[in-house]
Every structure is written in C-alpha cells, then in structure tokens.
PDB file of N, CA and C in Angstrom:
ATOM      1  N   MET A   1       0.850  -1.178   0.000  1.00  0.00           N
ATOM      2  CA  MET A   1       0.000   0.000   0.000  1.00  0.00           C
ATOM      3  C   MET A   1       0.896   1.241   0.000  1.00  0.00           C
ATOM      4  N   ASP A   2       0.521   2.210  -0.775  1.00  0.00           N
ATOM      5  CA  ASP A   2       1.319   3.428  -0.913  1.00  0.00           C
ATOM      6  C   ASP A   2       0.934   4.439   0.163  1.00  0.00           C
ATOM      7  N   ALA A   3       1.895   4.781   1.013  1.00  0.00           N
ATOM      8  CA  ALA A   3       1.656   5.751   2.087  1.00  0.00           C
ATOM      9  C   ALA A   3       2.599   6.934   1.912  1.00  0.00           C
ATOM     10  N   ARG A   4       2.080   8.118   2.139  1.00  0.00           N
ATOM     11  CA  ARG A   4       2.921   9.326   2.033  1.00  0.00           C
ATOM     12  C   ARG A   4       3.837   9.483   3.233  1.00  0.00           C
ATOM     13  N   LYS A   5       3.370   9.047   4.390  1.00  0.00           N
ATOM     14  CA  LYS A   5       4.139   9.188   5.624  1.00  0.00           C
ATOM     15  C   LYS A   5       4.151   7.863   6.367  1.00  0.00           C
ATOM     16  N   THR A   6       5.223   7.647   7.140  1.00  0.00           N
ATOM     17  CA  THR A   6       5.309   6.490   8.022  1.00  0.00           C
ATOM     18  C   THR A   6       5.547   6.998   9.431  1.00  0.00           C
ATOM     19  N   LEU A   7       4.764   6.486  10.364  1.00  0.00           N
ATOM     20  CA  LEU A   7       4.888   6.835  11.771  1.00  0.00           C
ATOM     21  C   LEU A   7       5.388   5.601  12.510  1.00  0.00           C
ATOM     22  N   ASP A   8       6.542   5.703  13.137  1.00  0.00           N
ATOM     23  CA  ASP A   8       7.153   4.594  13.872  1.00  0.00           C
ATOM     24  C   ASP A   8       6.806   4.723  15.350  1.00  0.00           C
ATOM     25  N   VAL A   9       5.959   3.825  15.831  1.00  0.00           N
ATOM     26  CA  VAL A   9       5.581   3.828  17.246  1.00  0.00           C
ATOM     27  C   VAL A   9       6.008   2.518  17.915  1.00  0.00           C
ATOM     28  N   ARG A  10       7.046   1.885  17.354  1.00  0.00           N
ATOM     29  CA  ARG A  10       7.554   0.641  17.936  1.00  0.00           C
ATOM     30  C   ARG A  10       8.025   0.896  19.360  1.00  0.00           C
ATOM     31  N   GLY A  11       7.684  -0.035  20.249  1.00  0.00           N
ATOM     32  CA  GLY A  11       8.069   0.080  21.649  1.00  0.00           C
ATOM     33  C   GLY A  11       7.052   0.784  22.520  1.00  0.00           C
ATOM     34  N   LEU A  12       6.060   1.431  21.909  1.00  0.00           N
ATOM     35  CA  LEU A  12       5.043   2.140  22.680  1.00  0.00           C
ATOM     36  C   LEU A  12       3.830   1.248  22.920  1.00  0.00           C
ATOM     37  N   LYS A  13       3.226   1.403  24.077  1.00  0.00           N
ATOM     38  CA  LYS A  13       2.029   0.640  24.454  1.00  0.00           C
ATOM     39  C   LYS A  13       0.811   1.542  24.392  1.00  0.00           C
ATOM     40  N   CYS A  14      -0.350   0.921  24.380  1.00  0.00           N
ATOM     41  CA  CYS A  14      -1.632   1.624  24.375  1.00  0.00           C
ATOM     42  C   CYS A  14      -1.681   2.620  25.537  1.00  0.00           C
ATOM     43  N   PRO A  15      -2.131   3.803  25.288  1.00  0.00           N
ATOM     44  CA  PRO A  15      -2.796   4.346  24.103  1.00  0.00           C
ATOM     45  C   PRO A  15      -1.873   5.145  23.193  1.00  0.00           C
ATOM     46  N   MET A  16      -0.576   5.116  23.442  1.00  0.00           N
ATOM     47  CA  MET A  16       0.347   5.994  22.717  1.00  0.00           C
ATOM     48  C   MET A  16       0.343   5.821  21.192  1.00  0.00           C
ATOM     49  N   PRO A  17       0.266   4.605  20.628  1.00  0.00           N
ATOM     50  CA  PRO A  17       0.220   4.528  19.161  1.00  0.00           C
ATOM     51  C   PRO A  17      -0.954   5.311  18.567  1.00  0.00           C
ATOM     52  N   ILE A  18      -2.106   5.251  19.202  1.00  0.00           N
ATOM     53  CA  ILE A  18      -3.267   5.982  18.685  1.00  0.00           C
ATOM     54  C   ILE A  18      -3.106   7.484  18.903  1.00  0.00           C
ATOM     55  N   ILE A  19      -2.610   7.880  20.049  1.00  0.00           N
ATOM     56  CA  ILE A  19      -2.399   9.308  20.311  1.00  0.00           C
ATOM     57  C   ILE A  19      -1.436   9.903  19.298  1.00  0.00           C
ATOM     58  N   ARG A  20      -0.348   9.209  19.046  1.00  0.00           N
ATOM     59  CA  ARG A  20       0.629   9.704  18.061  1.00  0.00           C
ATOM     60  C   ARG A  20       0.043   9.715  16.653  1.00  0.00           C
ATOM     61  N   ALA A  21      -0.725   8.666  16.304  1.00  0.00           N
ATOM     62  CA  ALA A  21      -1.333   8.608  14.974  1.00  0.00           C
ATOM     63  C   ALA A  21      -2.334   9.747  14.791  1.00  0.00           C
ATOM     64  N   LYS A  22      -3.126  10.001  15.811  1.00  0.00           N
ATOM     65  CA  LYS A  22      -4.109  11.080  15.727  1.00  0.00           C
ATOM     66  C   LYS A  22      -3.421  12.424  15.486  1.00  0.00           C
ATOM     67  N   LYS A  23      -2.342  12.673  16.221  1.00  0.00           N
ATOM     68  CA  LYS A  23      -1.598  13.928  16.060  1.00  0.00           C
ATOM     69  C   LYS A  23      -0.997  14.030  14.659  1.00  0.00           C
ATOM     70  N   GLU A  24      -0.432  12.935  14.174  1.00  0.00           N
ATOM     71  CA  GLU A  24       0.165  12.935  12.836  1.00  0.00           C
ATOM     72  C   GLU A  24      -0.899  13.141  11.760  1.00  0.00           C
ATOM     73  N   LEU A  25      -2.062  12.522  11.930  1.00  0.00           N
ATOM     74  CA  LEU A  25      -3.140  12.679  10.954  1.00  0.00           C
ATOM     75  C   LEU A  25      -3.665  14.111  10.904  1.00  0.00           C
ATOM     76  N   GLU A  26      -3.639  14.813  12.031  1.00  0.00           N
ATOM     77  CA  GLU A  26      -4.087  16.207  12.048  1.00  0.00           C
ATOM     78  C   GLU A  26      -3.221  17.084  11.149  1.00  0.00           C
ATOM     79  N   ALA A  27      -1.966  16.687  10.960  1.00  0.00           N
ATOM     80  CA  ALA A  27      -1.043  17.442  10.112  1.00  0.00           C
ATOM     81  C   ALA A  27      -0.947  16.863   8.700  1.00  0.00           C
ATOM     82  N   THR A  28      -1.801  15.909   8.392  1.00  0.00           N
ATOM     83  CA  THR A  28      -1.781  15.225   7.096  1.00  0.00           C
ATOM     84  C   THR A  28      -2.931  15.731   6.236  1.00  0.00           C
ATOM     85  N   PRO A  29      -2.679  16.038   4.969  1.00  0.00           N
ATOM     86  CA  PRO A  29      -3.764  16.489   4.088  1.00  0.00           C
ATOM     87  C   PRO A  29      -4.841  15.405   3.926  1.00  0.00           C
ATOM     88  N   ALA A  30      -6.076  15.842   3.778  1.00  0.00           N
ATOM     89  CA  ALA A  30      -7.192  14.914   3.577  1.00  0.00           C
ATOM     90  C   ALA A  30      -6.914  14.030   2.369  1.00  0.00           C
ATOM     91  N   GLY A  31      -7.197  12.744   2.522  1.00  0.00           N
ATOM     92  CA  GLY A  31      -6.994  11.788   1.445  1.00  0.00           C
ATOM     93  C   GLY A  31      -5.648  11.085   1.468  1.00  0.00           C
ATOM     94  N   ASP A  32      -4.683  11.642   2.181  1.00  0.00           N
ATOM     95  CA  ASP A  32      -3.363  11.012   2.253  1.00  0.00           C
ATOM     96  C   ASP A  32      -3.388   9.808   3.188  1.00  0.00           C
ATOM     97  N   VAL A  33      -2.483   8.864   2.929  1.00  0.00           N
ATOM     98  CA  VAL A  33      -2.392   7.639   3.709  1.00  0.00           C
ATOM     99  C   VAL A  33      -1.188   7.711   4.652  1.00  0.00           C
ATOM    100  N   LEU A  34      -1.435   7.323   5.892  1.00  0.00           N
ATOM    101  CA  LEU A  34      -0.400   7.249   6.924  1.00  0.00           C
ATOM    102  C   LEU A  34      -0.178   5.787   7.268  1.00  0.00           C
ATOM    103  N   LYS A  35       1.077   5.374   7.250  1.00  0.00           N
ATOM    104  CA  LYS A  35       1.460   4.019   7.646  1.00  0.00           C
ATOM    105  C   LYS A  35       1.979   4.091   9.079  1.00  0.00           C
ATOM    106  N   VAL A  36       1.390   3.309   9.973  1.00  0.00           N
ATOM    107  CA  VAL A  36       1.787   3.286  11.381  1.00  0.00           C
ATOM    108  C   VAL A  36       2.383   1.918  11.673  1.00  0.00           C
ATOM    109  N   VAL A  37       3.639   1.909  12.161  1.00  0.00           N
ATOM    110  CA  VAL A  37       4.328   0.663  12.475  1.00  0.00           C
ATOM    111  C   VAL A  37       4.460   0.549  13.987  1.00  0.00           C
ATOM    112  N   ALA A  38       3.847  -0.505  14.553  1.00  0.00           N
ATOM    113  CA  ALA A  38       3.818  -0.705  16.005  1.00  0.00           C
ATOM    114  C   ALA A  38       4.338  -2.096  16.351  1.00  0.00           C
ATOM    115  N   THR A  39       4.759  -2.264  17.605  1.00  0.00           N
ATOM    116  CA  THR A  39       5.147  -3.584  18.096  1.00  0.00           C
ATOM    117  C   THR A  39       4.152  -4.109  19.126  1.00  0.00           C
ATOM    118  N   ASP A  40       3.218  -3.293  19.540  1.00  0.00           N
ATOM    119  CA  ASP A  40       2.217  -3.694  20.528  1.00  0.00           C
ATOM    120  C   ASP A  40       1.130  -4.517  19.835  1.00  0.00           C
ATOM    121  N   PRO A  41       1.001  -5.814  20.178  1.00  0.00           N
ATOM    122  CA  PRO A  41      -0.028  -6.633  19.530  1.00  0.00           C
ATOM    123  C   PRO A  41      -1.436  -6.114  19.788  1.00  0.00           C
ATOM    124  N   GLY A  42      -1.639  -5.418  20.882  1.00  0.00           N
ATOM    125  CA  GLY A  42      -2.947  -4.845  21.186  1.00  0.00           C
ATOM    126  C   GLY A  42      -3.337  -3.727  20.242  1.00  0.00           C
ATOM    127  N   SER A  43      -2.369  -3.202  19.499  1.00  0.00           N
ATOM    128  CA  SER A  43      -2.667  -2.095  18.592  1.00  0.00           C
ATOM    129  C   SER A  43      -3.631  -2.508  17.485  1.00  0.00           C
ATOM    130  N   VAL A  44      -3.659  -3.780  17.143  1.00  0.00           N
ATOM    131  CA  VAL A  44      -4.566  -4.235  16.087  1.00  0.00           C
ATOM    132  C   VAL A  44      -6.018  -3.945  16.485  1.00  0.00           C
ATOM    133  N   LEU A  45      -6.414  -4.423  17.636  1.00  0.00           N
ATOM    134  CA  LEU A  45      -7.781  -4.178  18.104  1.00  0.00           C
ATOM    135  C   LEU A  45      -7.989  -2.728  18.516  1.00  0.00           C
ATOM    136  N   ASP A  46      -6.937  -2.086  19.041  1.00  0.00           N
ATOM    137  CA  ASP A  46      -7.057  -0.678  19.438  1.00  0.00           C
ATOM    138  C   ASP A  46      -7.401   0.202  18.247  1.00  0.00           C
ATOM    139  N   PHE A  47      -6.706   0.017  17.119  1.00  0.00           N
ATOM    140  CA  PHE A  47      -6.992   0.831  15.936  1.00  0.00           C
ATOM    141  C   PHE A  47      -8.376   0.512  15.380  1.00  0.00           C
ATOM    142  N   GLN A  48      -8.775  -0.748  15.379  1.00  0.00           N
ATOM    143  CA  GLN A  48     -10.112  -1.110  14.913  1.00  0.00           C
ATOM    144  C   GLN A  48     -11.187  -0.444  15.771  1.00  0.00           C
ATOM    145  N   GLY A  49     -10.999  -0.467  17.085  1.00  0.00           N
ATOM    146  CA  GLY A  49     -11.956   0.162  17.995  1.00  0.00           C
ATOM    147  C   GLY A  49     -12.002   1.666  17.841  1.00  0.00           C
ATOM    148  N   TRP A  50     -10.846   2.278  17.640  1.00  0.00           N
ATOM    149  CA  TRP A  50     -10.770   3.728  17.463  1.00  0.00           C
ATOM    150  C   TRP A  50     -11.561   4.148  16.224  1.00  0.00           C
ATOM    151  N   ILE A  51     -11.431   3.386  15.153  1.00  0.00           N
ATOM    152  CA  ILE A  51     -12.152   3.701  13.921  1.00  0.00           C
ATOM    153  C   ILE A  51     -13.660   3.551  14.144  1.00  0.00           C
ATOM    154  N   LYS A  52     -14.068   2.472  14.800  1.00  0.00           N
ATOM    155  CA  LYS A  52     -15.494   2.240  15.067  1.00  0.00           C
ATOM    156  C   LYS A  52     -16.084   3.316  15.968  1.00  0.00           C
ATOM    157  N   ALA A  53     -15.237   3.909  16.824  1.00  0.00           N
ATOM    158  CA  ALA A  53     -15.705   4.955  17.746  1.00  0.00           C
ATOM    159  C   ALA A  53     -15.856   6.311  17.056  1.00  0.00           C
ATOM    160  N   GLY A  54     -15.509   6.385  15.764  1.00  0.00           N
ATOM    161  CA  GLY A  54     -15.740   7.628  15.025  1.00  0.00           C
ATOM    162  C   GLY A  54     -14.511   8.454  14.750  1.00  0.00           C
ATOM    163  N   ALA A  55     -13.364   7.822  14.587  1.00  0.00           N
ATOM    164  CA  ALA A  55     -12.141   8.559  14.254  1.00  0.00           C
ATOM    165  C   ALA A  55     -12.315   9.282  12.922  1.00  0.00           C
ATOM    166  N   SER A  56     -11.513  10.319  12.721  1.00  0.00           N
ATOM    167  CA  SER A  56     -11.614  11.119  11.494  1.00  0.00           C
ATOM    168  C   SER A  56     -10.766  10.532  10.367  1.00  0.00           C
ATOM    169  N   CYS A  57     -10.648   9.208  10.364  1.00  0.00           N
ATOM    170  CA  CYS A  57      -9.881   8.545   9.319  1.00  0.00           C
ATOM    171  C   CYS A  57     -10.475   7.176   9.040  1.00  0.00           C
ATOM    172  N   GLU A  58      -9.999   6.563   7.962  1.00  0.00           N
ATOM    173  CA  GLU A  58     -10.424   5.217   7.585  1.00  0.00           C
ATOM    174  C   GLU A  58      -9.264   4.264   7.826  1.00  0.00           C
ATOM    175  N   LEU A  59      -9.570   3.060   8.253  1.00  0.00           N
ATOM    176  CA  LEU A  59      -8.568   2.009   8.381  1.00  0.00           C
ATOM    177  C   LEU A  59      -8.593   1.226   7.082  1.00  0.00           C
ATOM    178  N   LEU A  60      -7.544   1.391   6.276  1.00  0.00           N
ATOM    179  CA  LEU A  60      -7.494   0.755   4.963  1.00  0.00           C
ATOM    180  C   LEU A  60      -7.006  -0.682   5.030  1.00  0.00           C
ATOM    181  N   GLY A  61      -6.199  -0.984   6.031  1.00  0.00           N
ATOM    182  CA  GLY A  61      -5.670  -2.334   6.145  1.00  0.00           C
ATOM    183  C   GLY A  61      -4.724  -2.466   7.311  1.00  0.00           C
ATOM    184  N   GLN A  62      -4.467  -3.714   7.692  1.00  0.00           N
ATOM    185  CA  GLN A  62      -3.532  -4.036   8.761  1.00  0.00           C
ATOM    186  C   GLN A  62      -2.736  -5.260   8.320  1.00  0.00           C
ATOM    187  N   GLU A  63      -1.445  -5.266   8.663  1.00  0.00           N
ATOM    188  CA  GLU A  63      -0.568  -6.368   8.297  1.00  0.00           C
ATOM    189  C   GLU A  63       0.354  -6.688   9.463  1.00  0.00           C
ATOM    190  N   GLU A  64       0.846  -7.904   9.480  1.00  0.00           N
ATOM    191  CA  GLU A  64       1.903  -8.286  10.408  1.00  0.00           C
ATOM    192  C   GLU A  64       3.178  -8.441   9.599  1.00  0.00           C
ATOM    193  N   ASP A  65       4.305  -8.092  10.204  1.00  0.00           N
ATOM    194  CA  ASP A  65       5.590  -8.150   9.511  1.00  0.00           C
ATOM    195  C   ASP A  65       6.672  -8.404  10.548  1.00  0.00           C
ATOM    196  N   ILE A  66       7.888  -8.550  10.100  1.00  0.00           N
ATOM    197  CA  ILE A  66       9.063  -8.666  10.952  1.00  0.00           C
ATOM    198  C   ILE A  66       9.998  -7.522  10.569  1.00  0.00           C
ATOM    199  N   ASP A  67      10.435  -6.731  11.559  1.00  0.00           N
ATOM    200  CA  ASP A  67      11.315  -5.607  11.234  1.00  0.00           C
ATOM    201  C   ASP A  67      12.773  -6.061  11.142  1.00  0.00           C
ATOM    202  N   GLU A  68      13.650  -5.103  10.862  1.00  0.00           N
ATOM    203  CA  GLU A  68      15.068  -5.387  10.655  1.00  0.00           C
ATOM    204  C   GLU A  68      15.761  -5.927  11.912  1.00  0.00           C
ATOM    205  N   GLN A  69      15.147  -5.755  13.063  1.00  0.00           N
ATOM    206  CA  GLN A  69      15.703  -6.270  14.320  1.00  0.00           C
ATOM    207  C   GLN A  69      15.065  -7.599  14.717  1.00  0.00           C
ATOM    208  N   GLY A  70      14.235  -8.149  13.838  1.00  0.00           N
ATOM    209  CA  GLY A  70      13.606  -9.434  14.091  1.00  0.00           C
ATOM    210  C   GLY A  70      12.365  -9.367  14.967  1.00  0.00           C
ATOM    211  N   ARG A  71      11.870  -8.155  15.218  1.00  0.00           N
ATOM    212  CA  ARG A  71      10.660  -7.999  16.041  1.00  0.00           C
ATOM    213  C   ARG A  71       9.408  -8.096  15.175  1.00  0.00           C
ATOM    214  N   LYS A  72       8.382  -8.725  15.730  1.00  0.00           N
ATOM    215  CA  LYS A  72       7.097  -8.772  15.047  1.00  0.00           C
ATOM    216  C   LYS A  72       6.495  -7.375  15.102  1.00  0.00           C
ATOM    217  N   THR A  73       6.044  -6.893  13.969  1.00  0.00           N
ATOM    218  CA  THR A  73       5.434  -5.568  13.911  1.00  0.00           C
ATOM    219  C   THR A  73       4.006  -5.681  13.367  1.00  0.00           C
ATOM    220  N   PHE A  74       3.236  -4.683  13.714  1.00  0.00           N
ATOM    221  CA  PHE A  74       1.848  -4.590  13.287  1.00  0.00           C
ATOM    222  C   PHE A  74       1.722  -3.264  12.539  1.00  0.00           C
ATOM    223  N   VAL A  75       1.386  -3.367  11.264  1.00  0.00           N
ATOM    224  CA  VAL A  75       1.349  -2.195  10.391  1.00  0.00           C
ATOM    225  C   VAL A  75      -0.105  -1.842  10.106  1.00  0.00           C
ATOM    226  N   HIS A  76      -0.418  -0.570  10.303  1.00  0.00           N
ATOM    227  CA  HIS A  76      -1.780  -0.057  10.129  1.00  0.00           C
ATOM    228  C   HIS A  76      -1.747   1.044   9.068  1.00  0.00           C
ATOM    229  N   TYR A  77      -2.666   0.988   8.127  1.00  0.00           N
ATOM    230  CA  TYR A  77      -2.758   2.008   7.087  1.00  0.00           C
ATOM    231  C   TYR A  77      -4.025   2.818   7.307  1.00  0.00           C
ATOM    232  N   LEU A  78      -3.835   4.108   7.494  1.00  0.00           N
ATOM    233  CA  LEU A  78      -4.944   5.020   7.795  1.00  0.00           C
ATOM    234  C   LEU A  78      -5.019   6.107   6.736  1.00  0.00           C
ATOM    235  N   ARG A  79      -6.229   6.439   6.299  1.00  0.00           N
ATOM    236  CA  ARG A  79      -6.407   7.545   5.371  1.00  0.00           C
ATOM    237  C   ARG A  79      -7.264   8.607   6.047  1.00  0.00           C
ATOM    238  N   ARG A  80      -6.755   9.834   6.028  1.00  0.00           N
ATOM    239  CA  ARG A  80      -7.512  10.938   6.609  1.00  0.00           C
ATOM    240  C   ARG A  80      -8.716  11.257   5.752  1.00  0.00           C
ATOM    241  N   ARG A  81      -9.844  11.381   6.402  1.00  0.00           N
ATOM    242  CA  ARG A  81     -11.075  11.733   5.686  1.00  0.00           C
ATOM    243  C   ARG A  81     -11.101  13.225   5.394  1.00  0.00           C
ATOM    244  N   PRO A  82     -11.786  13.591   4.317  1.00  0.00           N
ATOM    245  CA  PRO A  82     -11.911  15.027   3.994  1.00  0.00           C
ATOM    246  C   PRO A  82     -12.723  15.771   5.031  1.00  0.00           C
TER     247      PRO A  82
END
C-alpha cells in the first residue's frame, strides 16, 4: 500500500500509538495515507476500535511483519477523511 508518511511507534504501548497517529493525521492532508508501524499486539484491536468509535480517518488495512531487528510488527494504514 502506498503511504505518504510512516509513523514509527515501535516500543510504545496503548494508548500511545493511537495518540501519536491522531496527532500525525491532524497534520496530514485529507486523502493522504499514513502508515503506522507498532510492536504492541494490542494495537490491532485498538486501531479497529478507534475507527469504530468515530475517528476522522479510515482504516485501509492491517498487516503483520518482521522488522530489521527481528521484532514482530503490526502495520496499520490510515487515510484521513476530507
């Protein structure tokens, strides 16, 4: 997925990945995609819940990956709504 920005929140626990993503999205033009890379497994459900609660963005997708240090990561793609 093509993202204009990447936000690295590896090592942070709930609620910090969402707080940081929200702040980054506020500075992102409407329609742009933000890629959020987290190591907290709870972030998967946290981002889903945040979207259902009425966030000002869309959750385009979520993936699991392994980073360069061998850590499991959870990648979230968010698009800011107009």
